[in-house]
Every structure is written in structure tokens, then in C-alpha cells.
Amino acid sequence: VGRPFTTAQRVVVTQVPPNGEAYRLQSVVRSQSTVRNGDTVRIAFYARSVASSSTAAIDVAVQRTDTYDSFTYQRIALTSSWQHFVFEVSLPRPFGESGDWLANQLQVTWNFGVALQTVDLADITWTNITSGIDPHAIPDQ
């Protein structure tokens, strides 16, 4: 009720991967355009737990697509109510590399293999807030 989305992705985990490798069950969204060196991106989404054998949780990471090095990595606990999550991440080039991040060189991953659980994700957005207008800075009328 009152959500800004009409559909969601449901993930059902029926077997937890061995050795804590939650990334073996994941959803991935790759960058679709160039992100300039040093820009800040905002990743936002809604999530909830529909069922879980323990505390429901997912791991969220923003990472390179070639080495999977993460710029941010966080485990978030989920409840049965829809929650809105927002991550803002600055994306510098590591190790003295130069240039910008081209399309498909960055990705956001949601790792579900944390527990036996059913999780819903919805309204995923990825916005470069350095190069454009921050929609959250615009006052409501």
C-alpha cells in the first residue's frame, strides 16, 4: 500500500551455499553509462523478507566487474515490512589508474545466500548524483 512500485523480484533460497559464499546466489545490475572518476552514485531499492529460517539478510556490494573488488559491501537485516535502502558511493579509480568507468565496468550485487529465506526486491535505481540534479534535493510542493 502506498509503494512507488507495482512489481517486485522474488528470490527463494532453498539451499545455503557452502563456506559462507553468499554471492553464489545473487542478482546483478551493471552500469549502463560512463561514470566519471570520483563521481558519487546512489543505489536505492526496497526489500523485505517473506520467510526465513533465521534472521533474514542480504549482502549488497558495489564493485568492479573485472576483479569484483568492492567499493562498498554491507550485510543488511530484513524485516517482513518493505524497507527503503539507500547507499551513496564515491567511485575513484584504484591503484593510480586513470580514466572513467565505462558502461558495464561497475555493478551492484544483492547476495541472497545468507540463509534459507524468501526475499523480495523492488524499485531498484542507480543514479549518478555528482553529474546531475539530486532528485532528493528538490523540495516538494
C-alpha atoms as a PDB file:
ATOM      1  CA  VAL A   1       0.000   0.000   0.000  1.00  0.00           C
ATOM      2  CA  GLY A   2       1.402   3.381  -0.981  1.00  0.00           C
ATOM      3  CA  ARG A   3       4.577   1.980  -2.550  1.00  0.00           C
ATOM      4  CA  PRO A   4       6.085   3.635  -5.656  1.00  0.00           C
ATOM      5  CA  PHE A   5       6.302   0.304  -7.470  1.00  0.00           C
ATOM      6  CA  THR A   6       3.865  -2.320  -8.746  1.00  0.00           C
ATOM      7  CA  THR A   7       6.149  -5.332  -9.236  1.00  0.00           C
ATOM      8  CA  ALA A   8       8.972  -6.964  -7.313  1.00  0.00           C
ATOM      9  CA  GLN A   9      11.562  -9.676  -7.845  1.00  0.00           C
ATOM     10  CA  ARG A  10      11.180 -12.650  -5.506  1.00  0.00           C
ATOM     11  CA  VAL A  11      14.169 -14.831  -4.617  1.00  0.00           C
ATOM     12  CA  VAL A  12      13.699 -18.133  -2.807  1.00  0.00           C
ATOM     13  CA  VAL A  13      16.827 -19.634  -1.229  1.00  0.00           C
ATOM     14  CA  THR A  14      16.335 -23.375  -0.742  1.00  0.00           C
ATOM     15  CA  GLN A  15      19.986 -24.219  -0.064  1.00  0.00           C
ATOM     16  CA  VAL A  16      22.667 -22.031   1.540  1.00  0.00           C
ATOM     17  CA  PRO A  17      25.958 -22.121  -0.387  1.00  0.00           C
ATOM     18  CA  PRO A  18      28.912 -23.755   1.397  1.00  0.00           C
ATOM     19  CA  ASN A  19      31.703 -21.859   3.149  1.00  0.00           C
ATOM     20  CA  GLY A  20      29.681 -18.667   3.625  1.00  0.00           C
ATOM     21  CA  GLU A  21      29.753 -17.934  -0.119  1.00  0.00           C
ATOM     22  CA  ALA A  22      26.501 -15.944  -0.183  1.00  0.00           C
ATOM     23  CA  TYR A  23      27.498 -14.443  -3.555  1.00  0.00           C
ATOM     24  CA  ARG A  24      26.730 -17.732  -5.304  1.00  0.00           C
ATOM     25  CA  LEU A  25      23.038 -16.697  -5.237  1.00  0.00           C
ATOM     26  CA  GLN A  26      22.810 -13.123  -6.457  1.00  0.00           C
ATOM     27  CA  SER A  27      21.097 -10.538  -8.614  1.00  0.00           C
ATOM     28  CA  VAL A  28      23.302  -8.123 -10.528  1.00  0.00           C
ATOM     29  CA  VAL A  29      22.714  -4.735 -12.153  1.00  0.00           C
ATOM     30  CA  ARG A  30      25.563  -3.369 -14.298  1.00  0.00           C
ATOM     31  CA  SER A  31      26.252   0.264 -15.120  1.00  0.00           C
ATOM     32  CA  GLN A  32      24.672   1.385 -18.380  1.00  0.00           C
ATOM     33  CA  SER A  33      26.714   4.536 -19.000  1.00  0.00           C
ATOM     34  CA  THR A  34      30.066   6.121 -18.191  1.00  0.00           C
ATOM     35  CA  VAL A  35      30.728   7.170 -14.592  1.00  0.00           C
ATOM     36  CA  ARG A  36      33.497   9.743 -14.224  1.00  0.00           C
ATOM     37  CA  ASN A  37      36.408   9.068 -11.912  1.00  0.00           C
ATOM     38  CA  GLY A  38      35.419  10.416  -8.473  1.00  0.00           C
ATOM     39  CA  ASP A  39      31.674  10.648  -9.136  1.00  0.00           C
ATOM     40  CA  THR A  40      29.225   9.588  -6.446  1.00  0.00           C
ATOM     41  CA  VAL A  41      26.419   7.197  -7.295  1.00  0.00           C
ATOM     42  CA  ARG A  42      23.275   6.499  -5.300  1.00  0.00           C
ATOM     43  CA  ILE A  43      21.850   2.979  -5.248  1.00  0.00           C
ATOM     44  CA  ALA A  44      18.327   2.757  -3.855  1.00  0.00           C
ATOM     45  CA  PHE A  45      15.892  -0.131  -3.565  1.00  0.00           C
ATOM     46  CA  TYR A  46      13.121  -1.621  -1.456  1.00  0.00           C
ATOM     47  CA  ALA A  47      13.471  -5.042   0.169  1.00  0.00           C
ATOM     48  CA  ARG A  48      11.610  -7.288   2.574  1.00  0.00           C
ATOM     49  CA  SER A  49      11.740 -10.814   3.928  1.00  0.00           C
ATOM     50  CA  VAL A  50       8.748 -13.000   3.145  1.00  0.00           C
ATOM     51  CA  ALA A  51      10.069 -16.051   5.014  1.00  0.00           C
ATOM     52  CA  SER A  52      13.311 -17.065   6.695  1.00  0.00           C
ATOM     53  CA  SER A  53      14.756 -19.902   8.744  1.00  0.00           C
ATOM     54  CA  SER A  54      16.748 -17.381  10.790  1.00  0.00           C
ATOM     55  CA  THR A  55      17.368 -13.644  10.658  1.00  0.00           C
ATOM     56  CA  ALA A  56      16.748 -12.647   7.053  1.00  0.00           C
ATOM     57  CA  ALA A  57      19.605 -10.730   5.458  1.00  0.00           C
ATOM     58  CA  ILE A  58      21.240  -9.894   2.155  1.00  0.00           C
ATOM     59  CA  ASP A  59      24.694  -8.653   1.251  1.00  0.00           C
ATOM     60  CA  VAL A  60      24.852  -5.593  -1.004  1.00  0.00           C
ATOM     61  CA  ALA A  61      28.015  -4.622  -2.874  1.00  0.00           C
ATOM     62  CA  VAL A  62      29.074  -2.036  -5.446  1.00  0.00           C
ATOM     63  CA  GLN A  63      32.036  -3.486  -7.296  1.00  0.00           C
ATOM     64  CA  ARG A  64      34.197  -3.682 -10.391  1.00  0.00           C
ATOM     65  CA  THR A  65      33.072  -6.232 -12.991  1.00  0.00           C
ATOM     66  CA  ASP A  66      36.618  -7.371 -13.838  1.00  0.00           C
ATOM     67  CA  THR A  67      38.124  -8.085 -10.394  1.00  0.00           C
ATOM     68  CA  TYR A  68      34.981  -7.926  -8.195  1.00  0.00           C
ATOM     69  CA  ASP A  69      36.817  -5.553  -5.838  1.00  0.00           C
ATOM     70  CA  SER A  70      34.118  -3.807  -3.805  1.00  0.00           C
ATOM     71  CA  PHE A  71      33.774  -0.083  -3.170  1.00  0.00           C
ATOM     72  CA  THR A  72      31.154  -0.839  -0.551  1.00  0.00           C
ATOM     73  CA  TYR A  73      29.917  -4.076   0.958  1.00  0.00           C
ATOM     74  CA  GLN A  74      27.276  -4.327   3.630  1.00  0.00           C
ATOM     75  CA  ARG A  75      25.076  -7.019   5.140  1.00  0.00           C
ATOM     76  CA  ILE A  76      21.594  -5.699   5.842  1.00  0.00           C
ATOM     77  CA  ALA A  77      18.958  -7.351   8.002  1.00  0.00           C
ATOM     78  CA  LEU A  78      15.463  -7.543   6.551  1.00  0.00           C
ATOM     79  CA  THR A  79      12.056  -7.500   8.175  1.00  0.00           C
ATOM     80  CA  SER A  80       8.675  -8.578   6.862  1.00  0.00           C
ATOM     81  CA  SER A  81       7.839  -4.929   6.088  1.00  0.00           C
ATOM     82  CA  TRP A  82       9.097  -3.154   2.992  1.00  0.00           C
ATOM     83  CA  GLN A  83      12.187  -1.112   3.840  1.00  0.00           C
ATOM     84  CA  HIS A  84      13.837   1.522   1.640  1.00  0.00           C
ATOM     85  CA  PHE A  85      17.641   1.310   1.443  1.00  0.00           C
ATOM     86  CA  VAL A  86      19.941   3.964   0.005  1.00  0.00           C
ATOM     87  CA  PHE A  87      23.710   3.724  -0.497  1.00  0.00           C
ATOM     88  CA  GLU A  88      25.881   6.565  -1.786  1.00  0.00           C
ATOM     89  CA  VAL A  89      29.307   5.533  -3.038  1.00  0.00           C
ATOM     90  CA  SER A  90      32.215   7.578  -4.407  1.00  0.00           C
ATOM     91  CA  LEU A  91      33.959   5.751  -7.228  1.00  0.00           C
ATOM     92  CA  PRO A  92      37.645   6.644  -7.534  1.00  0.00           C
ATOM     93  CA  ARG A  93      39.977   4.690  -9.793  1.00  0.00           C
ATOM     94  CA  PRO A  94      42.140   2.491  -7.528  1.00  0.00           C
ATOM     95  CA  PHE A  95      45.883   1.943  -7.674  1.00  0.00           C
ATOM     96  CA  GLY A  96      46.694   5.022  -9.772  1.00  0.00           C
ATOM     97  CA  GLU A  97      44.571   4.009 -12.761  1.00  0.00           C
ATOM     98  CA  SER A  98      43.299   6.887 -14.860  1.00  0.00           C
ATOM     99  CA  GLY A  99      40.152   7.443 -16.853  1.00  0.00           C
ATOM    100  CA  ASP A 100      36.477   6.984 -16.253  1.00  0.00           C
ATOM    101  CA  TRP A 101      34.386   3.899 -15.552  1.00  0.00           C
ATOM    102  CA  LEU A 102      32.785   2.847 -18.837  1.00  0.00           C
ATOM    103  CA  ALA A 103      29.403   1.174 -19.208  1.00  0.00           C
ATOM    104  CA  ASN A 104      29.414  -2.369 -17.784  1.00  0.00           C
ATOM    105  CA  GLN A 105      32.603  -1.836 -15.718  1.00  0.00           C
ATOM    106  CA  LEU A 106      30.655  -1.397 -12.464  1.00  0.00           C
ATOM    107  CA  GLN A 107      27.921  -3.473 -10.875  1.00  0.00           C
ATOM    108  CA  VAL A 108      25.658  -3.654  -7.861  1.00  0.00           C
ATOM    109  CA  THR A 109      25.084  -7.120  -6.435  1.00  0.00           C
ATOM    110  CA  TRP A 110      22.494  -8.403  -3.995  1.00  0.00           C
ATOM    111  CA  ASN A 111      23.737 -11.674  -2.464  1.00  0.00           C
ATOM    112  CA  PHE A 112      20.943 -13.847  -1.104  1.00  0.00           C
ATOM    113  CA  GLY A 113      22.775 -16.993   0.024  1.00  0.00           C
ATOM    114  CA  VAL A 114      22.994 -15.817   3.635  1.00  0.00           C
ATOM    115  CA  ALA A 115      20.181 -18.039   4.930  1.00  0.00           C
ATOM    116  CA  LEU A 116      17.249 -20.184   3.869  1.00  0.00           C
ATOM    117  CA  GLN A 117      14.876 -17.349   3.042  1.00  0.00           C
ATOM    118  CA  THR A 118      12.465 -15.746   0.628  1.00  0.00           C
ATOM    119  CA  VAL A 119      13.264 -12.129  -0.215  1.00  0.00           C
ATOM    120  CA  ASP A 120      11.515  -9.515  -2.360  1.00  0.00           C
ATOM    121  CA  LEU A 121      13.399  -6.666  -4.109  1.00  0.00           C
ATOM    122  CA  ALA A 122      11.737  -3.754  -5.874  1.00  0.00           C
ATOM    123  CA  ASP A 123      12.232  -0.305  -7.392  1.00  0.00           C
ATOM    124  CA  ILE A 124      15.980  -0.545  -7.924  1.00  0.00           C
ATOM    125  CA  THR A 125      17.559   2.722  -9.063  1.00  0.00           C
ATOM    126  CA  TRP A 126      21.162   3.666  -9.761  1.00  0.00           C
ATOM    127  CA  THR A 127      21.754   7.410 -10.136  1.00  0.00           C
ATOM    128  CA  ASN A 128      24.925   9.415 -10.662  1.00  0.00           C
ATOM    129  CA  ILE A 129      24.305  12.271  -8.219  1.00  0.00           C
ATOM    130  CA  THR A 130      27.564  14.102  -8.995  1.00  0.00           C
ATOM    131  CA  SER A 131      26.856  14.759 -12.651  1.00  0.00           C
ATOM    132  CA  GLY A 132      23.207  15.680 -12.389  1.00  0.00           C
ATOM    133  CA  ILE A 133      20.476  17.027 -10.214  1.00  0.00           C
ATOM    134  CA  ASP A 134      19.876  15.201  -6.970  1.00  0.00           C
ATOM    135  CA  PRO A 135      16.123  14.497  -7.063  1.00  0.00           C
ATOM    136  CA  HIS A 136      16.062  14.379  -3.254  1.00  0.00           C
ATOM    137  CA  ALA A 137      17.302  17.990  -3.102  1.00  0.00           C
ATOM    138  CA  ILE A 138      14.248  19.272  -4.951  1.00  0.00           C
ATOM    139  CA  PRO A 139      11.640  20.499  -2.451  1.00  0.00           C
ATOM    140  CA  ASP A 140       8.161  19.027  -2.541  1.00  0.00           C
ATOM    141  CA  GLN A 141       5.380  21.395  -3.488  1.00  0.00           C
END
